[in-house]
């Protein structure tokens, strides 16, 4: 099926739709919504969370058995660096979906402005549909997620479709399905009316907006990473659209991590009181919150959130190669990597696995040395998953080298096209590397990088 031929959206006129054509307009609207937000996120002791309690096996869980649980995990696979910590276990696969249509021959994405309790700014730009299975099945007893039935349909024209991983230092094997769905004329007009507060934004603007700080949420950055590289140079170059997830079928196996589940109150380096904290106040804590006065599916709810102790850091070096840009990446196995190692940026800090002083020092020296040789460094501060984390922020840096830099200990150079192919298949790239990939496509869009 040819996406360009079957989309059938050339007849839509921008003047008849709600289109935001610049980053400035997008940020202005987002700031306006932040200023008018009346939601409150109140701290609550874990023991006082409504509908949450400790289970017989020592986990913190919702009374319905849905949504997610906080469990204790211990990994002794590396005797030199044993790990034990709380992990978020969310077995159900959520849906992240961006609807797209062509206006005057240019692809646009239908975005929303999403409130999440853990997002520092309250509201960020989000994909059309962003929902856990419990949410789109209305396990909370509230309103249904608008347009979820289309996002879940197999009878649609897809430009990208794959299962993608999230933070494996904080989640136990969590994945979400990421989709980009192409709409025809009638659907594009009708659906925008049914998704509250939605706006059409040109895909080039969304990709360039990934270079801006604290604007696009993590889920939108993840979905945009799958926007086909070939479509950036020419929308008419899009290959075949297809339905069904393009994952490679990877399942938990012997190459993945195998942490032992332990009751939360038996984690020797962690203590439980009003929250769950590391005894040395390191890494992160698990805190309770109560959310009131916002416009989500239910009027109020309680939940735990994972609150990092500091900012994260992700730096990706990019060099010119014979077949286009090459990225400095590394394979890593985190405590929650039950699906096998993830491909990450070579330089990434800020999680519990990165606490060895000597290895951290060597990594920072190598990172600084690489950045000093770059002709340009593009930096942005992005927030991470606001629905599960409180105040999780990371600095992302893309360093553009002037020549083919030599070998890097602990990493390897991989062609952008190869990383892109892995991303399209799904279940391979870390969520941080997907943010970097979206930023790279933004650099290509603004002319700072040749594909």
Protein backbone atom coordinates (compact mmCIF):
# COMPACT_ATOMS: atom_id res chain seq x y z
CA UNK A 1 0.00 0.00 0.00
CA UNK A 2 1.48 3.35 -0.95
CA UNK A 3 1.08 5.90 1.82
CA UNK A 4 1.23 8.91 -0.46
CA UNK A 5 -1.44 7.54 -2.76
CA UNK A 6 -3.83 6.19 -0.16
CA UNK A 7 -3.68 9.01 2.37
CA UNK A 8 -5.94 11.10 0.16
CA UNK A 9 -5.49 14.25 2.27
CA UNK A 10 -4.33 16.77 -0.32
CA UNK A 11 -7.81 18.35 -0.32
CA UNK A 12 -7.56 19.64 3.25
CA UNK A 13 -6.91 23.35 3.44
CA UNK A 14 -4.93 24.79 6.35
CA UNK A 15 -7.25 27.75 6.66
CA UNK A 16 -10.16 25.46 7.48
CA UNK A 17 -8.32 23.61 10.26
CA UNK A 18 -6.73 24.48 13.58
CA UNK A 19 -3.08 24.59 12.51
CA UNK A 20 -0.08 25.87 14.44
CA UNK A 21 2.62 26.58 11.91
CA UNK A 22 5.60 27.59 14.09
CA UNK A 23 7.44 26.53 17.23
CA UNK A 24 6.68 29.94 18.69
CA UNK A 25 2.93 29.37 18.33
CA UNK A 26 3.26 25.90 19.82
CA UNK A 27 5.21 27.09 22.83
CA UNK A 28 2.93 30.10 23.32
CA UNK A 29 -0.16 27.89 23.46
CA UNK A 30 1.56 25.45 25.79
CA UNK A 31 2.58 28.28 28.14
CA UNK A 32 -0.97 29.67 28.05
CA UNK A 33 -2.34 26.31 29.13
CA UNK A 34 0.26 25.99 31.88
CA UNK A 35 -0.71 29.38 33.28
CA UNK A 36 -4.40 28.47 33.33
CA UNK A 37 -3.86 25.00 34.82
CA UNK A 38 -5.74 24.59 38.09
CA UNK A 39 -4.59 21.08 38.92
CA UNK A 40 -2.95 20.41 42.27
CA UNK A 41 -0.48 17.63 43.03
CA UNK A 42 -0.32 17.10 46.78
CA UNK A 43 2.19 14.94 48.68
CA UNK A 44 0.62 11.97 50.44
CA UNK A 45 2.32 9.29 52.58
CA UNK A 46 2.38 5.97 50.76
CA UNK A 47 0.32 4.37 53.52
CA UNK A 48 -2.45 6.94 52.97
CA UNK A 49 -2.82 6.52 49.20
CA UNK A 50 -6.42 5.80 48.29
CA UNK A 51 -6.88 2.45 46.50
CA UNK A 52 -3.21 1.50 46.98
CA UNK A 53 -1.80 -0.92 49.55
CA UNK A 54 0.95 -3.44 50.23
CA UNK A 55 0.30 -6.93 48.87
CA UNK A 56 1.15 -10.24 50.51
CA UNK A 57 4.32 -10.51 48.44
CA UNK A 58 5.53 -7.09 49.60
CA UNK A 59 4.68 -4.93 46.57
CA UNK A 60 2.76 -1.64 46.43
CA UNK A 61 -0.26 -2.21 44.17
CA UNK A 62 -3.62 -0.76 43.13
CA UNK A 63 -6.71 -2.48 44.50
CA UNK A 64 -7.91 -3.36 40.98
CA UNK A 65 -4.66 -5.13 40.12
CA UNK A 66 -4.40 -2.78 37.11
CA UNK A 67 -2.21 0.19 36.21
CA UNK A 68 1.19 -0.74 37.73
CA UNK A 69 2.95 -2.01 40.86
CA UNK A 70 6.09 -1.00 42.73
CA UNK A 71 8.17 -4.08 43.52
CA UNK A 72 11.53 -4.83 45.09
CA UNK A 73 14.22 -6.29 42.85
CA UNK A 74 17.69 -7.72 43.45
CA UNK A 75 20.24 -8.47 40.72
CA UNK A 76 23.34 -10.45 41.74
CA UNK A 77 24.51 -11.33 38.20
CA UNK A 78 27.56 -9.07 38.64
CA UNK A 79 29.18 -9.97 41.99
CA UNK A 80 31.33 -6.83 41.79
CA UNK A 81 28.30 -4.60 41.51
CA UNK A 82 25.20 -6.17 43.09
CA UNK A 83 22.04 -4.12 42.69
CA UNK A 84 18.86 -3.93 44.70
CA UNK A 85 16.17 -1.33 44.35
CA UNK A 86 12.47 -0.65 43.86
CA UNK A 87 11.24 -1.06 40.27
CA UNK A 88 7.97 -0.10 38.59
CA UNK A 89 6.30 -3.16 37.10
CA UNK A 90 3.75 -2.36 34.40
CA UNK A 91 2.94 -5.49 32.45
CA UNK A 92 0.24 -4.06 30.23
CA UNK A 93 1.30 -2.47 26.95
CA UNK A 94 0.14 1.13 26.53
CA UNK A 95 -0.61 3.01 23.31
CA UNK A 96 1.26 6.06 22.01
CA UNK A 97 -0.13 7.20 18.68
CA UNK A 98 0.26 10.25 16.46
CA UNK A 99 -2.37 10.85 13.78
CA UNK A 100 -1.03 12.54 10.65
CA UNK A 101 -2.61 14.07 7.56
CA UNK A 102 -1.45 16.11 4.57
CA UNK A 103 -2.47 19.78 4.30
CA UNK A 104 -1.45 21.48 1.07
CA UNK A 105 0.94 18.60 0.42
CA UNK A 106 2.73 18.84 3.79
CA UNK A 107 2.40 16.27 6.59
CA UNK A 108 0.93 17.50 9.87
CA UNK A 109 0.61 15.72 13.20
CA UNK A 110 -2.40 16.05 15.52
CA UNK A 111 -0.98 16.95 18.92
CA UNK A 112 -2.59 17.49 22.31
CA UNK A 113 -1.53 19.34 25.46
CA UNK A 114 -1.19 16.73 28.18
CA UNK A 115 -1.16 17.19 31.94
CA UNK A 116 0.84 14.66 33.94
CA UNK A 117 1.27 14.79 37.74
CA UNK A 118 5.04 14.32 37.63
CA UNK A 119 5.80 16.82 34.86
CA UNK A 120 7.59 19.84 36.39
CA UNK A 121 5.74 22.29 34.12
CA UNK A 122 2.42 20.46 34.42
CA UNK A 123 1.58 20.40 30.69
CA UNK A 124 3.63 19.44 27.64
CA UNK A 125 2.91 18.73 23.99
CA UNK A 126 1.82 15.13 23.57
CA UNK A 127 0.78 12.69 20.82
CA UNK A 128 -2.86 12.33 19.78
CA UNK A 129 -3.41 9.28 21.96
CA UNK A 130 -1.32 8.51 25.04
CA UNK A 131 -2.86 5.92 27.33
CA UNK A 132 -2.13 2.82 29.32
CA UNK A 133 -4.35 -0.18 28.69
CA UNK A 134 -6.03 0.41 32.04
CA UNK A 135 -6.85 3.96 30.92
CA UNK A 136 -8.23 3.20 27.47
CA UNK A 137 -10.24 0.32 28.94
CA UNK A 138 -11.53 2.77 31.62
CA UNK A 139 -10.41 0.64 34.57
CA UNK A 140 -10.59 3.84 36.64
CA UNK A 141 -14.35 4.08 35.99
CA UNK A 142 -13.98 7.49 34.34
CA UNK A 143 -14.22 8.87 30.82
CA UNK A 144 -12.86 6.92 27.87
CA UNK A 145 -9.77 8.12 26.01
CA UNK A 146 -10.81 10.05 22.84
CA UNK A 147 -9.92 8.35 19.52
CA UNK A 148 -8.43 5.32 21.29
CA UNK A 149 -10.46 2.97 19.10
CA UNK A 150 -8.72 4.34 15.98
CA UNK A 151 -5.27 4.21 17.58
CA UNK A 152 -5.88 0.53 18.41
CA UNK A 153 -7.39 -0.42 15.07
CA UNK A 154 -5.59 -2.77 12.69
CA UNK A 155 -7.67 -1.43 9.79
CA UNK A 156 -5.69 1.79 9.40
CA UNK A 157 -2.89 3.09 7.21
CA UNK A 158 0.29 3.16 9.29
CA UNK A 159 3.55 4.94 8.59
CA UNK A 160 5.27 3.48 11.67
CA UNK A 161 4.30 0.82 14.19
CA UNK A 162 6.47 -0.85 16.80
CA UNK A 163 6.78 -1.85 20.44
CA UNK A 164 9.33 0.35 22.22
CA UNK A 165 11.06 0.11 25.59
CA UNK A 166 11.12 2.66 28.37
CA UNK A 167 13.62 3.39 31.20
CA UNK A 168 15.02 -0.03 32.16
CA UNK A 169 16.78 1.32 35.25
CA UNK A 170 13.38 2.21 36.72
CA UNK A 171 10.94 -0.14 34.96
CA UNK A 172 10.88 -3.92 34.82
CA UNK A 173 10.67 -4.55 31.08
CA UNK A 174 8.03 -1.91 30.36
CA UNK A 175 7.07 -1.35 26.71
CA UNK A 176 4.53 0.76 24.84
CA UNK A 177 3.24 0.40 21.30
CA UNK A 178 4.25 3.43 19.21
CA UNK A 179 2.24 4.17 16.07
CA UNK A 180 1.95 6.85 13.39
CA UNK A 181 -1.38 6.58 11.57
CA UNK A 182 -2.17 8.32 8.28
CA UNK A 183 -5.73 9.64 8.02
CA UNK A 184 -7.81 10.38 4.96
CA UNK A 185 -9.66 13.66 4.41
CA UNK A 186 -12.87 12.95 6.29
CA UNK A 187 -11.16 11.25 9.22
CA UNK A 188 -8.66 14.08 9.66
CA UNK A 189 -11.39 16.71 9.86
CA UNK A 190 -13.72 14.68 12.08
CA UNK A 191 -11.15 13.33 14.54
CA UNK A 192 -9.64 16.72 15.29
CA UNK A 193 -13.10 17.78 16.51
CA UNK A 194 -13.39 14.82 18.87
CA UNK A 195 -9.97 15.15 20.54
CA UNK A 196 -10.23 18.04 23.03
CA UNK A 197 -7.68 20.81 22.68
CA UNK A 198 -5.92 19.17 19.75
CA UNK A 199 -4.03 21.09 17.07
CA UNK A 200 -2.45 20.22 13.74
CA UNK A 201 1.28 21.01 13.57
CA UNK A 202 3.58 20.46 10.56
CA UNK A 203 5.87 17.47 11.11
CA UNK A 204 8.96 19.61 10.31
CA UNK A 205 7.94 21.97 13.13
CA UNK A 206 7.47 19.09 15.58
CA UNK A 207 10.88 17.61 14.73
CA UNK A 208 12.57 20.99 15.13
CA UNK A 209 10.68 21.49 18.42
CA UNK A 210 12.54 18.46 19.83
CA UNK A 211 15.60 20.75 19.93
CA UNK A 212 13.71 23.05 22.32
CA UNK A 213 13.80 22.51 26.08
CA UNK A 214 10.78 21.28 28.03
CA UNK A 215 8.21 21.45 25.27
CA UNK A 216 7.56 18.00 23.75
CA UNK A 217 6.84 15.25 26.24
CA UNK A 218 8.75 11.98 26.25
CA UNK A 219 5.98 10.01 24.55
CA UNK A 220 5.75 12.39 21.60
CA UNK A 221 9.55 12.37 21.22
CA UNK A 222 9.43 8.57 21.22
CA UNK A 223 6.77 8.39 18.51
CA UNK A 224 8.47 11.08 16.39
CA UNK A 225 11.71 9.08 16.41
CA UNK A 226 9.86 6.67 14.10
CA UNK A 227 8.96 9.35 11.55
CA UNK A 228 10.65 7.89 8.44
CA UNK A 229 14.00 9.45 7.69
CA UNK A 230 13.21 9.23 3.99
CA UNK A 231 10.15 11.46 4.46
CA UNK A 232 12.23 14.37 5.79
CA UNK A 233 13.94 15.00 2.46
CA UNK A 234 10.79 14.33 0.41
CA UNK A 235 7.27 13.41 1.58
CA UNK A 236 6.76 11.66 -1.75
CA UNK A 237 9.63 9.31 -0.94
CA UNK A 238 7.63 7.46 1.71
CA UNK A 239 7.70 3.72 1.29
CA UNK A 240 4.83 1.33 1.79
CA UNK A 241 2.52 1.83 4.72
CA UNK A 242 1.48 -1.25 6.61
CA UNK A 243 -0.62 -2.35 9.54
CA UNK A 244 0.59 -4.37 12.49
CA UNK A 245 3.58 -3.74 14.76
CA UNK A 246 6.99 -3.86 13.09
CA UNK A 247 8.75 -5.40 16.06
CA UNK A 248 11.24 -8.21 15.68
CA UNK A 249 9.45 -10.51 18.11
CA UNK A 250 12.12 -10.33 20.80
CA UNK A 251 10.89 -11.98 23.97
CA UNK A 252 12.41 -12.31 27.44
CA UNK A 253 15.25 -14.81 27.12
CA UNK A 254 18.59 -15.90 28.56
CA UNK A 255 20.34 -12.72 27.33
CA UNK A 256 18.09 -10.44 29.39
CA UNK A 257 18.40 -9.48 33.04
CA UNK A 258 16.83 -11.80 35.60
CA UNK A 259 16.32 -9.84 38.80
CA UNK A 260 14.97 -11.63 41.85
CA UNK A 261 11.75 -10.21 43.25
CA UNK A 262 11.93 -9.33 46.93
CA UNK A 263 9.49 -7.57 49.28
CA UNK A 264 10.03 -3.82 49.38
CA UNK A 265 10.65 -3.90 53.13
CA UNK A 266 13.48 -6.42 52.64
CA UNK A 267 15.66 -4.21 50.44
CA UNK A 268 18.66 -3.80 52.73
CA UNK A 269 19.78 -0.40 51.38
CA UNK A 270 16.31 1.10 51.26
CA UNK A 271 13.90 2.19 53.99
CA UNK A 272 10.13 2.53 54.05
CA UNK A 273 8.37 5.31 55.92
CA UNK A 274 6.15 7.97 54.35
CA UNK A 275 8.11 7.22 51.18
CA UNK A 276 10.63 4.63 50.04
CA UNK A 277 14.13 6.07 50.14
CA UNK A 278 17.70 4.91 49.78
CA UNK A 279 19.38 4.94 53.17
CA UNK A 280 22.06 7.31 51.85
CA UNK A 281 19.47 9.50 50.09
CA UNK A 282 20.87 8.53 46.70
CA UNK A 283 19.43 7.65 43.29
CA UNK A 284 15.67 8.18 43.76
CA UNK A 285 12.74 7.78 46.11
CA UNK A 286 9.17 6.52 45.68
CA UNK A 287 6.65 9.07 46.91
CA UNK A 288 2.87 9.30 47.07
CA UNK A 289 0.77 12.02 45.48
CA UNK A 290 -2.87 13.04 45.20
CA UNK A 291 -3.99 14.73 41.99
CA UNK A 292 -6.99 17.08 42.02
CA UNK A 293 -8.69 19.66 39.84
CA UNK A 294 -7.58 18.83 36.32
CA UNK A 295 -9.32 17.63 33.19
CA UNK A 296 -8.24 14.04 32.83
CA UNK A 297 -10.39 10.88 32.68
CA UNK A 298 -11.24 11.08 36.41
CA UNK A 299 -11.55 14.14 38.64
CA UNK A 300 -9.05 12.98 41.28
CA UNK A 301 -6.75 10.06 41.94
CA UNK A 302 -3.84 8.89 44.09
CA UNK A 303 -0.66 7.18 42.92
CA UNK A 304 3.00 6.62 43.74
CA UNK A 305 5.69 8.33 41.66
CA UNK A 306 9.41 7.65 41.32
CA UNK A 307 11.36 10.84 42.11
CA UNK A 308 14.99 10.95 40.90
CA UNK A 309 17.56 12.57 43.20
CA UNK A 310 19.18 14.60 40.41
CA UNK A 311 19.28 15.40 36.70
CA UNK A 312 20.19 12.83 34.10
CA UNK A 313 22.68 13.34 31.28
CA UNK A 314 22.69 11.87 27.77
CA UNK A 315 25.34 12.84 25.22
CA UNK A 316 25.46 11.45 21.68
CA UNK A 317 28.49 12.08 19.48
CA UNK A 318 27.88 12.15 15.72
CA UNK A 319 30.59 11.92 13.07
CA UNK A 320 30.53 12.00 9.26
CA UNK A 321 30.71 8.59 7.61
CA UNK A 322 30.97 7.15 4.12
CA UNK A 323 27.23 6.37 4.15
CA UNK A 324 25.97 9.36 6.10
CA UNK A 325 26.20 10.28 9.81
CA UNK A 326 27.42 7.73 12.35
CA UNK A 327 26.40 7.64 16.01
CA UNK A 328 28.50 6.59 19.01
CA UNK A 329 26.37 4.01 20.81
CA UNK A 330 26.72 1.16 23.29
CA UNK A 331 24.74 -1.92 24.30
CA UNK A 332 23.83 -2.05 27.97
CA UNK A 333 21.96 -4.42 30.23
CA UNK A 334 20.09 -2.63 33.03
CA UNK A 335 18.38 -4.26 35.99
CA UNK A 336 15.02 -4.04 34.20
CA UNK A 337 16.32 -5.18 30.78
CA UNK A 338 14.45 -8.48 30.76
CA UNK A 339 14.04 -8.23 26.96
CA UNK A 340 17.81 -8.19 26.38
CA UNK A 341 20.35 -5.35 26.12
CA UNK A 342 19.21 -1.96 24.82
CA UNK A 343 21.11 0.22 22.40
CA UNK A 344 21.92 3.50 24.15
CA UNK A 345 24.04 6.59 23.64
CA UNK A 346 27.63 5.90 24.69
CA UNK A 347 27.53 8.61 27.37
CA UNK A 348 24.54 8.37 29.67
CA UNK A 349 24.48 9.06 33.40
CA UNK A 350 22.03 9.62 36.18
CA UNK A 351 20.64 6.20 37.06
CA UNK A 352 21.34 3.71 39.79
CA UNK A 353 23.68 1.60 37.63
CA UNK A 354 26.08 4.52 37.22
CA UNK A 355 27.38 5.07 40.73
CA UNK A 356 30.92 3.68 40.58
CA UNK A 357 33.14 6.74 41.06
CA UNK A 358 36.03 5.59 38.85
CA UNK A 359 33.90 4.48 35.90
CA UNK A 360 31.89 7.70 36.12
CA UNK A 361 35.08 9.77 36.12
CA UNK A 362 36.45 7.99 33.04
CA UNK A 363 33.15 8.39 31.23
CA UNK A 364 32.97 12.12 31.94
CA UNK A 365 36.55 12.66 30.74
CA UNK A 366 35.88 10.78 27.48
CA UNK A 367 32.63 12.68 26.98
CA UNK A 368 34.27 16.07 27.55
CA UNK A 369 37.13 15.17 25.22
CA UNK A 370 34.68 14.26 22.47
CA UNK A 371 32.60 17.42 22.91
CA UNK A 372 35.72 19.62 22.70
CA UNK A 373 36.37 18.29 19.19
CA UNK A 374 32.84 19.05 17.98
CA UNK A 375 32.08 21.86 15.53
CA UNK A 376 28.61 22.24 17.04
CA UNK A 377 26.89 21.03 20.19
CA UNK A 378 23.09 21.13 20.35
CA UNK A 379 21.68 20.88 23.86
CA UNK A 380 18.16 20.67 25.29
CA UNK A 381 16.66 19.84 28.65
CA UNK A 382 13.85 17.31 28.41
CA UNK A 383 11.49 15.86 30.99
CA UNK A 384 10.90 12.14 31.15
CA UNK A 385 7.70 10.15 31.82
CA UNK A 386 5.49 12.45 33.89
CA UNK A 387 2.90 9.77 34.54
CA UNK A 388 5.32 7.60 36.56
CA UNK A 389 8.18 9.91 37.55
CA UNK A 390 8.19 13.15 39.53
CA UNK A 391 10.52 15.85 38.26
CA UNK A 392 12.62 13.53 36.09
CA UNK A 393 14.74 15.85 33.93
CA UNK A 394 17.75 15.13 31.72
CA UNK A 395 20.13 17.21 29.64
CA UNK A 396 20.52 15.91 26.09
CA UNK A 397 23.54 16.89 24.00
CA UNK A 398 24.23 16.14 20.35
CA UNK A 399 27.88 16.74 19.46
CA UNK A 400 28.67 17.09 15.75
CA UNK A 401 32.27 16.11 15.05
CA UNK A 402 34.14 17.63 12.13
CA UNK A 403 35.85 14.42 11.01
CA UNK A 404 35.74 10.66 11.44
CA UNK A 405 36.78 10.40 15.07
CA UNK A 406 38.67 7.27 16.05
CA UNK A 407 37.58 4.31 18.15
CA UNK A 408 35.91 4.98 21.48
CA UNK A 409 36.39 2.54 24.39
CA UNK A 410 33.09 1.15 25.56
CA UNK A 411 31.19 2.19 22.44
CA UNK A 412 30.93 1.65 18.72
CA UNK A 413 30.05 3.77 15.71
CA UNK A 414 26.83 2.86 13.96
CA UNK A 415 25.37 4.43 10.83
CA UNK A 416 22.30 6.61 11.35
CA UNK A 417 20.47 4.55 8.73
CA UNK A 418 21.15 1.36 10.70
CA UNK A 419 19.93 2.91 13.96
CA UNK A 420 16.86 4.19 12.10
CA UNK A 421 16.12 0.67 10.81
CA UNK A 422 16.36 -0.77 14.34
CA UNK A 423 14.03 1.94 15.62
CA UNK A 424 11.46 1.16 12.92
CA UNK A 425 11.44 -2.52 13.91
CA UNK A 426 11.07 -1.63 17.58
CA UNK A 427 12.10 -3.22 20.88
CA UNK A 428 15.77 -2.33 20.58
CA UNK A 429 16.59 1.33 21.27
CA UNK A 430 16.48 2.91 24.71
CA UNK A 431 13.96 5.69 25.19
CA UNK A 432 16.85 8.15 25.63
CA UNK A 433 18.41 7.17 22.29
CA UNK A 434 15.01 7.59 20.65
CA UNK A 435 14.90 11.17 21.96
CA UNK A 436 18.35 11.70 20.45
CA UNK A 437 17.13 10.25 17.16
CA UNK A 438 14.20 12.68 17.09
CA UNK A 439 16.59 15.56 17.80
CA UNK A 440 18.84 14.36 14.96
CA UNK A 441 15.87 14.47 12.58
CA UNK A 442 15.24 18.00 13.86
CA UNK A 443 18.84 18.94 13.00
CA UNK A 444 18.38 17.52 9.52
CA UNK A 445 15.17 19.49 9.18
CA UNK A 446 16.82 22.83 10.09
CA UNK A 447 19.85 22.12 7.89
CA UNK A 448 22.50 21.61 10.60
CA UNK A 449 23.13 17.99 9.60
CA UNK A 450 23.22 16.22 6.25
CA UNK A 451 21.41 12.83 6.30
